Amino acid sequence: MVFILGVNFPERNLVKKSLETFFGVGKIHSTRLLARFHVHPTCKIGELANKQVLDIQAALSEMKIENDLRRQVLDNIKRLKETGTYRGRRHALGLPVRGQRTRTQTKTAVKLNRMERRL
């Protein structure tokens, strides 16, 4: 078992997939991290050297991920609601925000965007 930022990963997991489990680290960021520290994309966590694990941890700790990023996103949505913008009102109603079709698919959007309802 290998610990990265307090998360315990089995040694047989791929490094790329394990990095993508963090909120805010997607396919592009994980690929760039692996290239930066010279780790092969199909490398497993158990095959990493201790220095590589420490380097990856240091790079992840510099990034805004997990709770910090979630808090920032929620603050941005809250700001939009308070200023009364169109996007803020759409967020408050649980409707699609970015111009998606609403004639037939609003039920799906309302289910996916469950948040407090406030205008």
Protein backbone atom coordinates (compact mmCIF):
# COMPACT_ATOMS: atom_id res chain seq x y z
CA MET A 1 0.00 0.00 0.00
CA VAL A 2 1.25 3.44 -0.97
CA PHE A 3 0.07 6.68 0.61
CA ILE A 4 -0.30 9.76 -1.58
CA LEU A 5 -1.69 12.81 0.23
CA GLY A 6 -3.22 10.61 2.92
CA VAL A 7 -5.00 8.29 0.48
CA ASN A 8 -4.06 4.63 0.53
CA PHE A 9 -3.64 3.07 -2.94
CA PRO A 10 -3.10 -0.63 -3.65
CA GLU A 11 0.23 -1.41 -5.30
CA ARG A 12 -1.39 -3.01 -8.36
CA ASN A 13 -3.23 0.18 -9.40
CA LEU A 14 -1.95 2.24 -12.32
CA VAL A 15 -0.37 5.52 -11.28
CA LYS A 16 -2.36 7.46 -13.89
CA LYS A 17 -5.72 6.12 -12.68
CA SER A 18 -4.79 6.66 -9.05
CA LEU A 19 -3.92 10.31 -9.68
CA GLU A 20 -7.23 10.81 -11.49
CA THR A 21 -9.15 9.83 -8.35
CA PHE A 22 -8.29 13.22 -6.84
CA PHE A 23 -10.91 15.92 -7.51
CA GLY A 24 -9.38 18.42 -9.94
CA VAL A 25 -6.82 16.05 -11.48
CA GLY A 26 -8.05 14.77 -14.82
CA LYS A 27 -6.46 12.89 -17.68
CA ILE A 28 -4.41 15.82 -18.94
CA HIS A 29 -3.01 16.79 -15.52
CA SER A 30 -2.15 13.20 -14.63
CA THR A 31 -0.40 12.68 -17.97
CA ARG A 32 1.61 15.87 -17.50
CA LEU A 33 2.61 14.87 -13.97
CA LEU A 34 3.78 11.47 -15.18
CA ALA A 35 5.80 13.04 -17.99
CA ARG A 36 7.30 15.61 -15.62
CA PHE A 37 8.63 12.92 -13.29
CA HIS A 38 9.56 10.42 -16.04
CA VAL A 39 6.99 7.76 -15.10
CA HIS A 40 5.68 5.43 -17.81
CA PRO A 41 1.89 5.66 -18.35
CA THR A 42 1.41 1.93 -17.67
CA CYS A 43 3.50 1.96 -14.49
CA LYS A 44 1.88 0.62 -11.34
CA ILE A 45 2.08 2.34 -7.96
CA GLY A 46 4.11 -0.50 -6.45
CA GLU A 47 6.83 0.00 -9.08
CA LEU A 48 7.45 3.65 -8.17
CA ALA A 49 10.60 4.63 -6.36
CA ASN A 50 10.22 6.40 -3.03
CA LYS A 51 11.63 9.63 -4.51
CA GLN A 52 9.06 9.58 -7.33
CA VAL A 53 6.23 9.19 -4.82
CA LEU A 54 7.55 12.13 -2.81
CA ASP A 55 7.92 14.26 -5.96
CA ILE A 56 4.36 13.49 -7.05
CA GLN A 57 3.08 14.33 -3.54
CA ALA A 58 4.94 17.65 -3.60
CA ALA A 59 3.49 18.52 -7.01
CA LEU A 60 -0.04 17.61 -5.90
CA SER A 61 0.27 19.64 -2.71
CA GLU A 62 1.10 22.73 -4.79
CA MET A 63 -2.02 22.26 -6.93
CA LYS A 64 -5.49 23.35 -5.89
CA ILE A 65 -7.33 20.03 -5.58
CA GLU A 66 -9.98 18.31 -3.47
CA ASN A 67 -11.64 20.52 -0.82
CA ASP A 68 -9.93 23.77 -1.84
CA LEU A 69 -11.14 23.40 -5.41
CA ARG A 70 -14.65 22.35 -4.35
CA ARG A 71 -14.85 25.40 -2.08
CA GLN A 72 -13.71 27.68 -4.90
CA VAL A 73 -16.34 26.29 -7.30
CA LEU A 74 -19.10 26.68 -4.71
CA ASP A 75 -17.95 30.24 -3.95
CA ASN A 76 -18.07 31.09 -7.66
CA ILE A 77 -21.63 29.74 -7.95
CA LYS A 78 -22.64 31.59 -4.78
CA ARG A 79 -21.22 34.83 -6.20
CA LEU A 80 -23.19 34.36 -9.42
CA LYS A 81 -26.38 33.83 -7.42
CA GLU A 82 -25.80 36.89 -5.23
CA THR A 83 -25.17 39.19 -8.18
CA GLY A 84 -28.35 37.93 -9.83
CA THR A 85 -26.80 36.96 -13.13
CA TYR A 86 -28.57 34.74 -15.62
CA ARG A 87 -26.18 31.88 -14.88
CA GLY A 88 -26.73 32.34 -11.14
CA ARG A 89 -30.50 32.12 -11.53
CA ARG A 90 -30.16 28.99 -13.65
CA HIS A 91 -27.98 27.42 -10.95
CA ALA A 92 -30.52 28.32 -8.28
CA LEU A 93 -33.35 26.70 -10.23
CA GLY A 94 -31.31 23.61 -11.06
CA LEU A 95 -31.63 24.17 -14.80
CA PRO A 96 -28.90 23.78 -17.43
CA VAL A 97 -26.53 26.72 -17.25
CA ARG A 98 -24.54 26.52 -20.46
CA GLY A 99 -27.22 26.69 -23.12
CA GLN A 100 -28.31 23.05 -23.24
CA ARG A 101 -31.71 22.08 -24.53
CA THR A 102 -34.51 22.36 -21.96
CA ARG A 103 -37.55 21.42 -23.99
CA THR A 104 -37.22 17.69 -23.37
CA GLN A 105 -34.39 17.20 -20.91
CA THR A 106 -35.06 19.45 -17.93
CA LYS A 107 -35.95 16.50 -15.70
CA THR A 108 -32.49 15.04 -16.17
CA ALA A 109 -30.84 18.40 -15.52
CA VAL A 110 -32.85 18.97 -12.35
CA LYS A 111 -31.84 15.55 -11.04
CA LEU A 112 -28.16 16.16 -11.80
CA ASN A 113 -28.00 19.67 -10.39
CA ARG A 114 -29.51 19.14 -6.95
CA MET A 115 -28.63 22.25 -4.96
CA GLU A 116 -30.44 24.60 -2.66
CA ARG A 117 -33.23 26.37 -4.53
CA ARG A 118 -32.90 30.10 -4.05
CA LEU A 119 -33.41 33.12 -6.31
